C-alpha atoms as a PDB file:
ATOM      1  CA  UNK A   1      47.951   1.668 -10.651  1.00  0.00           C
ATOM      2  CA  UNK A   2      45.197  -0.844 -11.340  1.00  0.00           C
ATOM      3  CA  UNK A   3      41.820   0.209 -12.729  1.00  0.00           C
ATOM      4  CA  UNK A   4      38.688  -1.495 -14.037  1.00  0.00           C
ATOM      5  CA  UNK A   5      37.928  -0.165 -17.521  1.00  0.00           C
ATOM      6  CA  UNK A   6      35.347  -0.689 -20.240  1.00  0.00           C
ATOM      7  CA  UNK A   7      36.206  -0.557 -23.941  1.00  0.00           C
ATOM      8  CA  UNK A   8      32.640  -1.172 -25.138  1.00  0.00           C
ATOM      9  CA  UNK A   9      29.110  -0.609 -23.887  1.00  0.00           C
ATOM     10  CA  UNK A  10      27.166  -3.607 -22.666  1.00  0.00           C
ATOM     11  CA  UNK A  11      26.669  -5.929 -19.729  1.00  0.00           C
ATOM     12  CA  UNK A  12      28.906  -6.332 -16.678  1.00  0.00           C
ATOM     13  CA  UNK A  13      31.193  -8.612 -18.674  1.00  0.00           C
ATOM     14  CA  UNK A  14      32.671  -5.579 -20.475  1.00  0.00           C
ATOM     15  CA  UNK A  15      34.854  -4.703 -17.464  1.00  0.00           C
ATOM     16  CA  UNK A  16      38.545  -5.480 -17.788  1.00  0.00           C
ATOM     17  CA  UNK A  17      41.420  -4.999 -15.366  1.00  0.00           C
ATOM     18  CA  UNK A  18      44.192  -2.749 -16.651  1.00  0.00           C
ATOM     19  CA  UNK A  19      47.518  -1.489 -15.310  1.00  0.00           C
ATOM     20  CA  UNK A  20      48.146   2.156 -16.100  1.00  0.00           C
ATOM     21  CA  UNK A  21      50.140   5.173 -15.002  1.00  0.00           C
ATOM     22  CA  UNK A  22      48.869   7.248 -12.097  1.00  0.00           C
ATOM     23  CA  UNK A  23      46.569  10.057 -13.279  1.00  0.00           C
ATOM     24  CA  UNK A  24      48.343  13.333 -14.007  1.00  0.00           C
ATOM     25  CA  UNK A  25      47.171  16.355 -12.037  1.00  0.00           C
ATOM     26  CA  UNK A  26      46.880  19.964 -13.117  1.00  0.00           C
ATOM     27  CA  UNK A  27      47.582  23.045 -11.009  1.00  0.00           C
ATOM     28  CA  UNK A  28      44.080  23.001  -9.460  1.00  0.00           C
ATOM     29  CA  UNK A  29      43.782  19.232  -8.992  1.00  0.00           C
ATOM     30  CA  UNK A  30      44.438  16.704  -6.247  1.00  0.00           C
ATOM     31  CA  UNK A  31      45.400  13.036  -6.451  1.00  0.00           C
ATOM     32  CA  UNK A  32      43.619  10.703  -4.011  1.00  0.00           C
ATOM     33  CA  UNK A  33      44.855   7.246  -3.091  1.00  0.00           C
ATOM     34  CA  UNK A  34      41.511   5.579  -2.675  1.00  0.00           C
ATOM     35  CA  UNK A  35      40.473   3.491   0.308  1.00  0.00           C
ATOM     36  CA  UNK A  36      36.877   2.911  -0.799  1.00  0.00           C
ATOM     37  CA  UNK A  37      34.769   3.553  -3.912  1.00  0.00           C
ATOM     38  CA  UNK A  38      31.014   4.079  -4.090  1.00  0.00           C
ATOM     39  CA  UNK A  39      28.771   1.966  -6.299  1.00  0.00           C
ATOM     40  CA  UNK A  40      25.811   3.805  -7.846  1.00  0.00           C
ATOM     41  CA  UNK A  41      23.132   3.179 -10.435  1.00  0.00           C
ATOM     42  CA  UNK A  42      24.502   6.021 -12.534  1.00  0.00           C
ATOM     43  CA  UNK A  43      27.497   3.757 -13.172  1.00  0.00           C
ATOM     44  CA  UNK A  44      25.136   1.258 -14.832  1.00  0.00           C
ATOM     45  CA  UNK A  45      23.559   4.013 -16.925  1.00  0.00           C
ATOM     46  CA  UNK A  46      27.001   4.871 -18.244  1.00  0.00           C
ATOM     47  CA  UNK A  47      28.078   1.271 -18.790  1.00  0.00           C
ATOM     48  CA  UNK A  48      24.969   0.568 -20.865  1.00  0.00           C
ATOM     49  CA  UNK A  49      24.911   3.872 -22.762  1.00  0.00           C
ATOM     50  CA  UNK A  50      21.862   5.484 -21.151  1.00  0.00           C
ATOM     51  CA  UNK A  51      24.265   8.288 -20.288  1.00  0.00           C
ATOM     52  CA  UNK A  52      26.994   8.736 -22.932  1.00  0.00           C
ATOM     53  CA  UNK A  53      30.663   8.122 -22.171  1.00  0.00           C
ATOM     54  CA  UNK A  54      33.788   8.286 -24.312  1.00  0.00           C
ATOM     55  CA  UNK A  55      35.374   4.873 -24.705  1.00  0.00           C
ATOM     56  CA  UNK A  56      37.534   3.400 -23.342  1.00  0.00           C
ATOM     57  CA  UNK A  57      36.254   4.617 -19.974  1.00  0.00           C
ATOM     58  CA  UNK A  58      36.830   4.145 -16.274  1.00  0.00           C
ATOM     59  CA  UNK A  59      33.464   4.488 -14.574  1.00  0.00           C
ATOM     60  CA  UNK A  60      32.557   5.633 -11.072  1.00  0.00           C
ATOM     61  CA  UNK A  61      31.675   8.989  -9.516  1.00  0.00           C
ATOM     62  CA  UNK A  62      32.285   8.565  -5.790  1.00  0.00           C
ATOM     63  CA  UNK A  63      35.130   7.616  -3.496  1.00  0.00           C
ATOM     64  CA  UNK A  64      37.304   8.531  -0.564  1.00  0.00           C
ATOM     65  CA  UNK A  65      40.863   8.171   0.636  1.00  0.00           C
ATOM     66  CA  UNK A  66      44.052  10.084   1.333  1.00  0.00           C
ATOM     67  CA  UNK A  67      45.422  13.008  -0.677  1.00  0.00           C
ATOM     68  CA  UNK A  68      48.715  11.898  -2.220  1.00  0.00           C
ATOM     69  CA  UNK A  69      49.564  14.971  -4.326  1.00  0.00           C
ATOM     70  CA  UNK A  70      48.230  18.503  -4.869  1.00  0.00           C
ATOM     71  CA  UNK A  71      48.546  20.928  -7.749  1.00  0.00           C
ATOM     72  CA  UNK A  72      50.617  24.112  -7.447  1.00  0.00           C
ATOM     73  CA  UNK A  73      47.564  26.342  -6.995  1.00  0.00           C
ATOM     74  CA  UNK A  74      45.647  24.165  -4.540  1.00  0.00           C
ATOM     75  CA  UNK A  75      45.101  25.638  -1.077  1.00  0.00           C
ATOM     76  CA  UNK A  76      42.014  23.639  -0.133  1.00  0.00           C
ATOM     77  CA  UNK A  77      43.984  20.429   0.619  1.00  0.00           C
ATOM     78  CA  UNK A  78      47.459  19.328   1.579  1.00  0.00           C
ATOM     79  CA  UNK A  79      49.177  15.973   1.181  1.00  0.00           C
ATOM     80  CA  UNK A  80      47.946  13.584   3.873  1.00  0.00           C
ATOM     81  CA  UNK A  81      44.448  15.072   4.194  1.00  0.00           C
ATOM     82  CA  UNK A  82      41.508  12.706   4.061  1.00  0.00           C
ATOM     83  CA  UNK A  83      39.171  13.584   1.202  1.00  0.00           C
ATOM     84  CA  UNK A  84      36.002  12.330  -0.435  1.00  0.00           C
ATOM     85  CA  UNK A  85      33.973  13.232  -3.488  1.00  0.00           C
ATOM     86  CA  UNK A  86      30.574  12.469  -4.970  1.00  0.00           C
ATOM     87  CA  UNK A  87      30.782  14.108  -8.390  1.00  0.00           C
ATOM     88  CA  UNK A  88      34.050  12.846  -9.771  1.00  0.00           C
ATOM     89  CA  UNK A  89      34.891  10.507 -12.626  1.00  0.00           C
ATOM     90  CA  UNK A  90      37.129   7.488 -13.262  1.00  0.00           C
ATOM     91  CA  UNK A  91      36.609   6.280  -9.685  1.00  0.00           C
ATOM     92  CA  UNK A  92      37.009   2.564 -10.423  1.00  0.00           C
ATOM     93  CA  UNK A  93      40.758   2.755  -9.838  1.00  0.00           C
ATOM     94  CA  UNK A  94      43.312   2.695  -7.058  1.00  0.00           C
ATOM     95  CA  UNK A  95      43.938   6.421  -7.529  1.00  0.00           C
ATOM     96  CA  UNK A  96      41.854   9.268  -8.894  1.00  0.00           C
ATOM     97  CA  UNK A  97      42.615  12.844  -9.896  1.00  0.00           C
ATOM     98  CA  UNK A  98      39.982  15.566  -9.734  1.00  0.00           C
ATOM     99  CA  UNK A  99      39.646  19.329  -9.250  1.00  0.00           C
ATOM    100  CA  UNK A 100      40.166  20.265  -5.617  1.00  0.00           C
ATOM    101  CA  UNK A 101      36.868  22.147  -5.546  1.00  0.00           C
ATOM    102  CA  UNK A 102      34.992  18.900  -6.326  1.00  0.00           C
ATOM    103  CA  UNK A 103      36.232  17.164  -3.161  1.00  0.00           C
ATOM    104  CA  UNK A 104      35.552  17.741   0.540  1.00  0.00           C
ATOM    105  CA  UNK A 105      37.624  17.152   3.645  1.00  0.00           C
ATOM    106  CA  UNK A 106      36.390  14.268   5.761  1.00  0.00           C
ATOM    107  CA  UNK A 107      35.818  14.814   9.470  1.00  0.00           C
ATOM    108  CA  UNK A 108      37.557  12.388  11.820  1.00  0.00           C
ATOM    109  CA  UNK A 109      34.247  10.744  12.683  1.00  0.00           C
ATOM    110  CA  UNK A 110      33.538   9.753   9.060  1.00  0.00           C
ATOM    111  CA  UNK A 111      35.551   6.818   7.711  1.00  0.00           C
ATOM    112  CA  UNK A 112      36.546   6.502   4.073  1.00  0.00           C
ATOM    113  CA  UNK A 113      34.153   3.546   3.743  1.00  0.00           C
ATOM    114  CA  UNK A 114      31.254   5.626   5.057  1.00  0.00           C
ATOM    115  CA  UNK A 115      32.155   8.618   2.881  1.00  0.00           C
ATOM    116  CA  UNK A 116      32.390   6.477  -0.257  1.00  0.00           C
ATOM    117  CA  UNK A 117      29.022   4.937   0.544  1.00  0.00           C
ATOM    118  CA  UNK A 118      27.335   8.199   1.434  1.00  0.00           C
ATOM    119  CA  UNK A 119      28.556  11.252  -0.437  1.00  0.00           C
ATOM    120  CA  UNK A 120      26.784  10.964  -3.787  1.00  0.00           C
ATOM    121  CA  UNK A 121      23.624   9.357  -2.406  1.00  0.00           C
ATOM    122  CA  UNK A 122      23.645  11.407   0.781  1.00  0.00           C
ATOM    123  CA  UNK A 123      24.078  14.778  -0.911  1.00  0.00           C
ATOM    124  CA  UNK A 124      21.325  13.729  -3.324  1.00  0.00           C
ATOM    125  CA  UNK A 125      19.088  13.074  -0.324  1.00  0.00           C
ATOM    126  CA  UNK A 126      20.141  16.406   1.160  1.00  0.00           C
ATOM    127  CA  UNK A 127      18.918  18.494  -1.762  1.00  0.00           C
ATOM    128  CA  UNK A 128      15.799  16.356  -2.156  1.00  0.00           C
ATOM    129  CA  UNK A 129      14.752  17.132   1.422  1.00  0.00           C
ATOM    130  CA  UNK A 130      14.655  20.840   0.566  1.00  0.00           C
ATOM    131  CA  UNK A 131      13.405  20.706  -3.014  1.00  0.00           C
ATOM    132  CA  UNK A 132       9.793  21.445  -1.988  1.00  0.00           C
ATOM    133  CA  UNK A 133       8.239  23.276   0.990  1.00  0.00           C
ATOM    134  CA  UNK A 134       6.913  20.646   3.390  1.00  0.00           C
ATOM    135  CA  UNK A 135       5.477  20.849   6.889  1.00  0.00           C
ATOM    136  CA  UNK A 136       5.811  18.360   9.728  1.00  0.00           C
ATOM    137  CA  UNK A 137       3.309  15.559   9.279  1.00  0.00           C
ATOM    138  CA  UNK A 138       3.081  15.892   5.499  1.00  0.00           C
ATOM    139  CA  UNK A 139       3.009  12.572   3.662  1.00  0.00           C
ATOM    140  CA  UNK A 140       5.624  11.713   1.034  1.00  0.00           C
ATOM    141  CA  UNK A 141       6.308   8.616  -1.067  1.00  0.00           C
ATOM    142  CA  UNK A 142       9.804   7.197  -1.560  1.00  0.00           C
ATOM    143  CA  UNK A 143      10.280   4.548  -4.232  1.00  0.00           C
ATOM    144  CA  UNK A 144      13.031   1.927  -3.719  1.00  0.00           C
ATOM    145  CA  UNK A 145      12.988   2.933  -0.059  1.00  0.00           C
ATOM    146  CA  UNK A 146      15.433   0.185   0.961  1.00  0.00           C
ATOM    147  CA  UNK A 147      17.988   1.037  -1.736  1.00  0.00           C
ATOM    148  CA  UNK A 148      21.149   3.103  -1.430  1.00  0.00           C
ATOM    149  CA  UNK A 149      19.713   6.589  -1.947  1.00  0.00           C
ATOM    150  CA  UNK A 150      16.234   5.601  -0.797  1.00  0.00           C
ATOM    151  CA  UNK A 151      17.359   4.403   2.610  1.00  0.00           C
ATOM    152  CA  UNK A 152      19.260   7.613   3.329  1.00  0.00           C
ATOM    153  CA  UNK A 153      16.386   9.761   2.030  1.00  0.00           C
ATOM    154  CA  UNK A 154      13.821   7.828   4.064  1.00  0.00           C
ATOM    155  CA  UNK A 155      15.742   8.356   7.298  1.00  0.00           C
ATOM    156  CA  UNK A 156      16.324  12.043   6.607  1.00  0.00           C
ATOM    157  CA  UNK A 157      12.679  12.738   5.759  1.00  0.00           C
ATOM    158  CA  UNK A 158      11.521  10.886   8.886  1.00  0.00           C
ATOM    159  CA  UNK A 159      14.034  12.869  10.960  1.00  0.00           C
ATOM    160  CA  UNK A 160      12.471  16.094   9.649  1.00  0.00           C
ATOM    161  CA  UNK A 161       9.051  14.956  10.831  1.00  0.00           C
ATOM    162  CA  UNK A 162       7.380  13.931   7.574  1.00  0.00           C
ATOM    163  CA  UNK A 163       5.231  10.844   7.191  1.00  0.00           C
ATOM    164  CA  UNK A 164       7.202   8.552   4.905  1.00  0.00           C
ATOM    165  CA  UNK A 165       5.484   5.946   2.755  1.00  0.00           C
ATOM    166  CA  UNK A 166       8.001   3.595   1.163  1.00  0.00           C
ATOM    167  CA  UNK A 167       7.606   1.313  -1.849  1.00  0.00           C
ATOM    168  CA  UNK A 168       9.864  -1.746  -2.135  1.00  0.00           C
ATOM    169  CA  UNK A 169      10.173  -5.008  -4.017  1.00  0.00           C
ATOM    170  CA  UNK A 170      10.252  -7.670  -1.306  1.00  0.00           C
ATOM    171  CA  UNK A 171       9.195  -8.469   2.256  1.00  0.00           C
ATOM    172  CA  UNK A 172      12.830  -8.412   3.369  1.00  0.00           C
ATOM    173  CA  UNK A 173      13.275  -4.923   1.940  1.00  0.00           C
ATOM    174  CA  UNK A 174      10.012  -3.867   3.584  1.00  0.00           C
ATOM    175  CA  UNK A 175      11.427  -4.760   7.006  1.00  0.00           C
ATOM    176  CA  UNK A 176      14.539  -2.710   6.304  1.00  0.00           C
ATOM    177  CA  UNK A 177      12.463   0.285   5.187  1.00  0.00           C
ATOM    178  CA  UNK A 178      10.282   0.113   8.310  1.00  0.00           C
ATOM    179  CA  UNK A 179      13.342  -0.095  10.539  1.00  0.00           C
ATOM    180  CA  UNK A 180      14.707   3.074   8.968  1.00  0.00           C
ATOM    181  CA  UNK A 181      11.695   5.341   9.356  1.00  0.00           C
ATOM    182  CA  UNK A 182       8.893   4.366   6.966  1.00  0.00           C
ATOM    183  CA  UNK A 183       5.443   4.727   8.506  1.00  0.00           C
ATOM    184  CA  UNK A 184       3.946   2.507   5.829  1.00  0.00           C
ATOM    185  CA  UNK A 185       5.576   0.194   3.302  1.00  0.00           C
ATOM    186  CA  UNK A 186       3.983  -0.914   0.025  1.00  0.00           C
ATOM    187  CA  UNK A 187       5.190  -4.000  -1.838  1.00  0.00           C
ATOM    188  CA  UNK A 188       5.126  -3.454  -5.592  1.00  0.00           C
ATOM    189  CA  UNK A 189       4.014  -7.005  -6.384  1.00  0.00           C
ATOM    190  CA  UNK A 190       1.279  -7.239  -3.758  1.00  0.00           C
ATOM    191  CA  UNK A 191      -0.830  -4.106  -4.165  1.00  0.00           C
ATOM    192  CA  UNK A 192      -1.186  -1.170  -6.565  1.00  0.00           C
ATOM    193  CA  UNK A 193       1.001   1.618  -5.227  1.00  0.00           C
ATOM    194  CA  UNK A 194      -1.298   4.538  -6.041  1.00  0.00           C
ATOM    195  CA  UNK A 195      -4.340   2.827  -4.531  1.00  0.00           C
ATOM    196  CA  UNK A 196      -2.425   2.092  -1.334  1.00  0.00           C
ATOM    197  CA  UNK A 197      -1.151   5.678  -1.157  1.00  0.00           C
ATOM    198  CA  UNK A 198      -4.619   7.151  -1.643  1.00  0.00           C
ATOM    199  CA  UNK A 199      -6.054   4.836   1.011  1.00  0.00           C
ATOM    200  CA  UNK A 200      -3.318   5.768   3.481  1.00  0.00           C
ATOM    201  CA  UNK A 201      -3.826   9.495   2.920  1.00  0.00           C
ATOM    202  CA  UNK A 202      -7.604   9.592   2.992  1.00  0.00           C
ATOM    203  CA  UNK A 203      -7.724  10.006  -0.766  1.00  0.00           C
ATOM    204  CA  UNK A 204      -5.562  13.133  -0.811  1.00  0.00           C
ATOM    205  CA  UNK A 205      -2.300  11.665  -2.083  1.00  0.00           C
ATOM    206  CA  UNK A 206       1.205  12.642  -1.009  1.00  0.00           C
ATOM    207  CA  UNK A 207       2.747  16.095  -1.191  1.00  0.00           C
ATOM    208  CA  UNK A 208       5.905  14.764  -2.888  1.00  0.00           C
ATOM    209  CA  UNK A 209       6.844  11.559  -4.707  1.00  0.00           C
ATOM    210  CA  UNK A 210      10.563  10.752  -4.880  1.00  0.00           C
ATOM    211  CA  UNK A 211      11.013   8.313  -7.774  1.00  0.00           C
ATOM    212  CA  UNK A 212      14.392   6.798  -8.663  1.00  0.00           C
ATOM    213  CA  UNK A 213      12.895   3.842 -10.554  1.00  0.00           C
ATOM    214  CA  UNK A 214      11.716   5.561 -13.738  1.00  0.00           C
ATOM    215  CA  UNK A 215       9.598   3.966 -16.430  1.00  0.00           C
ATOM    216  CA  UNK A 216       8.109   1.145 -14.341  1.00  0.00           C
ATOM    217  CA  UNK A 217       6.733   3.453 -11.645  1.00  0.00           C
ATOM    218  CA  UNK A 218       5.875   6.595 -13.610  1.00  0.00           C
ATOM    219  CA  UNK A 219       2.115   6.029 -13.815  1.00  0.00           C
ATOM    220  CA  UNK A 220       1.839   5.025 -10.157  1.00  0.00           C
ATOM    221  CA  UNK A 221       3.888   8.017  -9.079  1.00  0.00           C
ATOM    222  CA  UNK A 222       1.778  10.470 -11.029  1.00  0.00           C
ATOM    223  CA  UNK A 223      -1.392   8.920  -9.621  1.00  0.00           C
ATOM    224  CA  UNK A 224      -0.050   9.218  -6.061  1.00  0.00           C
ATOM    225  CA  UNK A 225       0.657  12.964  -5.980  1.00  0.00           C
ATOM    226  CA  UNK A 226      -1.764  15.308  -4.232  1.00  0.00           C
ATOM    227  CA  UNK A 227      -3.198  18.284  -6.096  1.00  0.00           C
ATOM    228  CA  UNK A 228      -0.467  20.852  -6.735  1.00  0.00           C
ATOM    229  CA  UNK A 229       2.089  18.465  -5.311  1.00  0.00           C
ATOM    230  CA  UNK A 230       5.490  17.570  -6.718  1.00  0.00           C
ATOM    231  CA  UNK A 231       6.678  14.544  -8.677  1.00  0.00           C
ATOM    232  CA  UNK A 232      10.481  14.232  -8.404  1.00  0.00           C
ATOM    233  CA  UNK A 233      11.940  11.855 -10.985  1.00  0.00           C
ATOM    234  CA  UNK A 234      15.599  11.440 -10.047  1.00  0.00           C
ATOM    235  CA  UNK A 235      16.583   8.056 -11.463  1.00  0.00           C
ATOM    236  CA  UNK A 236      16.011   5.513 -14.225  1.00  0.00           C
ATOM    237  CA  UNK A 237      16.601   2.128 -12.580  1.00  0.00           C
ATOM    238  CA  UNK A 238      13.913   0.517 -14.768  1.00  0.00           C
ATOM    239  CA  UNK A 239      14.659   2.694 -17.789  1.00  0.00           C
ATOM    240  CA  UNK A 240      13.939   6.355 -18.555  1.00  0.00           C
ATOM    241  CA  UNK A 241      10.411   7.739 -18.361  1.00  0.00           C
ATOM    242  CA  UNK A 242       8.936   7.725 -21.888  1.00  0.00           C
ATOM    243  CA  UNK A 243       7.762  10.981 -23.457  1.00  0.00           C
ATOM    244  CA  UNK A 244       4.343  12.132 -22.240  1.00  0.00           C
ATOM    245  CA  UNK A 245       1.960  15.003 -22.852  1.00  0.00           C
ATOM    246  CA  UNK A 246       2.241  17.858 -20.320  1.00  0.00           C
ATOM    247  CA  UNK A 247      -1.556  17.771 -20.138  1.00  0.00           C
ATOM    248  CA  UNK A 248      -1.186  14.678 -17.939  1.00  0.00           C
ATOM    249  CA  UNK A 249       0.195  16.894 -15.185  1.00  0.00           C
ATOM    250  CA  UNK A 250      -2.952  19.016 -15.327  1.00  0.00           C
ATOM    251  CA  UNK A 251      -5.176  15.944 -15.316  1.00  0.00           C
ATOM    252  CA  UNK A 252      -3.349  14.621 -12.255  1.00  0.00           C
ATOM    253  CA  UNK A 253      -4.241  17.761 -10.290  1.00  0.00           C
ATOM    254  CA  UNK A 254      -2.006  20.575 -11.558  1.00  0.00           C
ATOM    255  CA  UNK A 255       1.002  18.534 -10.476  1.00  0.00           C
ATOM    256  CA  UNK A 256       4.530  19.901 -10.721  1.00  0.00           C
ATOM    257  CA  UNK A 257       7.329  17.670 -12.013  1.00  0.00           C
ATOM    258  CA  UNK A 258      11.100  18.001 -11.927  1.00  0.00           C
ATOM    259  CA  UNK A 259      14.022  15.877 -13.137  1.00  0.00           C
ATOM    260  CA  UNK A 260      16.895  17.176 -10.998  1.00  0.00           C
ATOM    261  CA  UNK A 261      20.517  16.106 -10.840  1.00  0.00           C
ATOM    262  CA  UNK A 262      22.839  16.454  -7.863  1.00  0.00           C
ATOM    263  CA  UNK A 263      25.521  18.214  -9.880  1.00  0.00           C
ATOM    264  CA  UNK A 264      23.323  21.282 -10.387  1.00  0.00           C
ATOM    265  CA  UNK A 265      22.874  21.551  -6.607  1.00  0.00           C
ATOM    266  CA  UNK A 266      26.595  21.342  -5.759  1.00  0.00           C
ATOM    267  CA  UNK A 267      27.893  23.367  -8.706  1.00  0.00           C
ATOM    268  CA  UNK A 268      29.946  25.740  -6.551  1.00  0.00           C
ATOM    269  CA  UNK A 269      32.511  25.066  -3.862  1.00  0.00           C
ATOM    270  CA  UNK A 270      30.263  26.765  -1.317  1.00  0.00           C
ATOM    271  CA  UNK A 271      27.227  24.666  -2.252  1.00  0.00           C
ATOM    272  CA  UNK A 272      29.287  21.471  -2.159  1.00  0.00           C
ATOM    273  CA  UNK A 273      30.690  22.254   1.287  1.00  0.00           C
ATOM    274  CA  UNK A 274      27.234  23.136   2.644  1.00  0.00           C
ATOM    275  CA  UNK A 275      25.666  19.922   1.326  1.00  0.00           C
ATOM    276  CA  UNK A 276      28.492  17.767   2.683  1.00  0.00           C
ATOM    277  CA  UNK A 277      28.371  19.530   6.056  1.00  0.00           C
ATOM    278  CA  UNK A 278      24.629  18.874   6.344  1.00  0.00           C
ATOM    279  CA  UNK A 279      25.182  15.215   5.477  1.00  0.00           C
ATOM    280  CA  UNK A 280      28.025  14.781   7.962  1.00  0.00           C
ATOM    281  CA  UNK A 281      25.899  16.467  10.649  1.00  0.00           C
ATOM    282  CA  UNK A 282      22.952  14.070  10.316  1.00  0.00           C
ATOM    283  CA  UNK A 283      25.339  11.125  10.261  1.00  0.00           C
ATOM    284  CA  UNK A 284      27.114  12.381  13.392  1.00  0.00           C
ATOM    285  CA  UNK A 285      23.810  12.925  15.185  1.00  0.00           C
ATOM    286  CA  UNK A 286      22.682   9.381  14.447  1.00  0.00           C
ATOM    287  CA  UNK A 287      19.606  10.612  12.579  1.00  0.00           C
ATOM    288  CA  UNK A 288      20.893   8.987   9.398  1.00  0.00           C
ATOM    289  CA  UNK A 289      22.799   5.717   9.560  1.00  0.00           C
ATOM    290  CA  UNK A 290      24.823   4.637   6.532  1.00  0.00           C
ATOM    291  CA  UNK A 291      24.099   0.961   6.038  1.00  0.00           C
ATOM    292  CA  UNK A 292      26.925  -0.598   4.004  1.00  0.00           C
ATOM    293  CA  UNK A 293      25.228  -3.877   3.241  1.00  0.00           C
ATOM    294  CA  UNK A 294      27.522  -5.079   0.443  1.00  0.00           C
ATOM    295  CA  UNK A 295      31.162  -4.670  -0.477  1.00  0.00           C
ATOM    296  CA  UNK A 296      33.320  -6.211  -3.171  1.00  0.00           C
ATOM    297  CA  UNK A 297      36.967  -6.005  -4.155  1.00  0.00           C
ATOM    298  CA  UNK A 298      37.367  -3.589  -7.054  1.00  0.00           C
ATOM    299  CA  UNK A 299      38.410  -6.525  -9.241  1.00  0.00           C
ATOM    300  CA  UNK A 300      34.915  -7.989  -8.784  1.00  0.00           C
ATOM    301  CA  UNK A 301      33.065  -4.897  -9.985  1.00  0.00           C
ATOM    302  CA  UNK A 302      31.227  -6.957 -12.627  1.00  0.00           C
ATOM    303  CA  UNK A 303      29.600  -9.026  -9.863  1.00  0.00           C
ATOM    304  CA  UNK A 304      28.735  -5.832  -8.010  1.00  0.00           C
ATOM    305  CA  UNK A 305      27.000  -4.454 -11.114  1.00  0.00           C
ATOM    306  CA  UNK A 306      25.048  -7.690 -11.572  1.00  0.00           C
ATOM    307  CA  UNK A 307      23.783  -7.507  -7.998  1.00  0.00           C
ATOM    308  CA  UNK A 308      22.845  -3.826  -8.216  1.00  0.00           C
ATOM    309  CA  UNK A 309      21.192  -4.171 -11.612  1.00  0.00           C
ATOM    310  CA  UNK A 310      19.295  -7.258 -10.454  1.00  0.00           C
ATOM    311  CA  UNK A 311      17.913  -5.370  -7.421  1.00  0.00           C
ATOM    312  CA  UNK A 312      19.640  -7.826  -5.104  1.00  0.00           C
ATOM    313  CA  UNK A 313      21.203  -5.124  -2.929  1.00  0.00           C
ATOM    314  CA  UNK A 314      19.944  -3.092   0.009  1.00  0.00           C
ATOM    315  CA  UNK A 315      21.426   0.040   1.525  1.00  0.00           C
ATOM    316  CA  UNK A 316      24.800   1.135   0.212  1.00  0.00           C
ATOM    317  CA  UNK A 317      27.432  -0.848  -1.676  1.00  0.00           C
ATOM    318  CA  UNK A 318      31.133  -0.123  -1.951  1.00  0.00           C
ATOM    319  CA  UNK A 319      34.210  -1.390  -3.769  1.00  0.00           C
ATOM    320  CA  UNK A 320      37.573  -1.778  -2.064  1.00  0.00           C
ATOM    321  CA  UNK A 321      40.674  -1.141  -4.242  1.00  0.00           C
END
């Protein structure tokens, strides 16, 4: 099979195409012949060393396709089933092996392209919608609201009846965010985010801030949260949040803060199936539309990383083996 591998940390130029044997599977594993692969910012964190990897490495956490082989003890899948995953590894390849309990069966209504674009980001949005008790009409702030995870999260929060304020980097992205459920959109370069949030909420601030940007938006996020509200830091697109004194949370209004990861919310087979089922349900209902705005051949993954890292993408991006 063909895979895109890195032998060193660095920029997108470190990717190289390699021919290798199909992955071996153990008794509890499945082998998927991939039809589409998800592109996520976590892949950039690993390529650059923000998150450690053992080199040489095949990156990628998300994909979908057809089960080609199953281990002797696998009962969850059979050969020919359609399967997807959002917490795998070595996805930048024509085939991938992973434990059967890390994959989900795809309903007929969900294509492999949609599953590869949606599973990791969509199940992230799923747990974020229930991470804090909210009531209809409550205001929330979503950073990077026109991005892959942000666009899914924005739609889901709006579907649940919350007032979604989105923050984006361009007028074009603002239009996309509005079209997908944002009540108000703030452009980072045109007005201070926290001031705009306070003005829009009568000075109260938002009940929850969902921040996937990291260092560049930390201060604005903290200044946007209502008293005893929640600051969710779930990404580092601009770099990790620097160390800070816990006293700042008290000064901001006894604010709570969490740095969650999807993998802790889908750690069991039951939790994974429940999260995927919720995601497939909102997609089927039309409440959440998966906007695949960019796709590249797997061989052009370096260009895909440049576009994602340069904030030139909107919605979801996929790679086609």
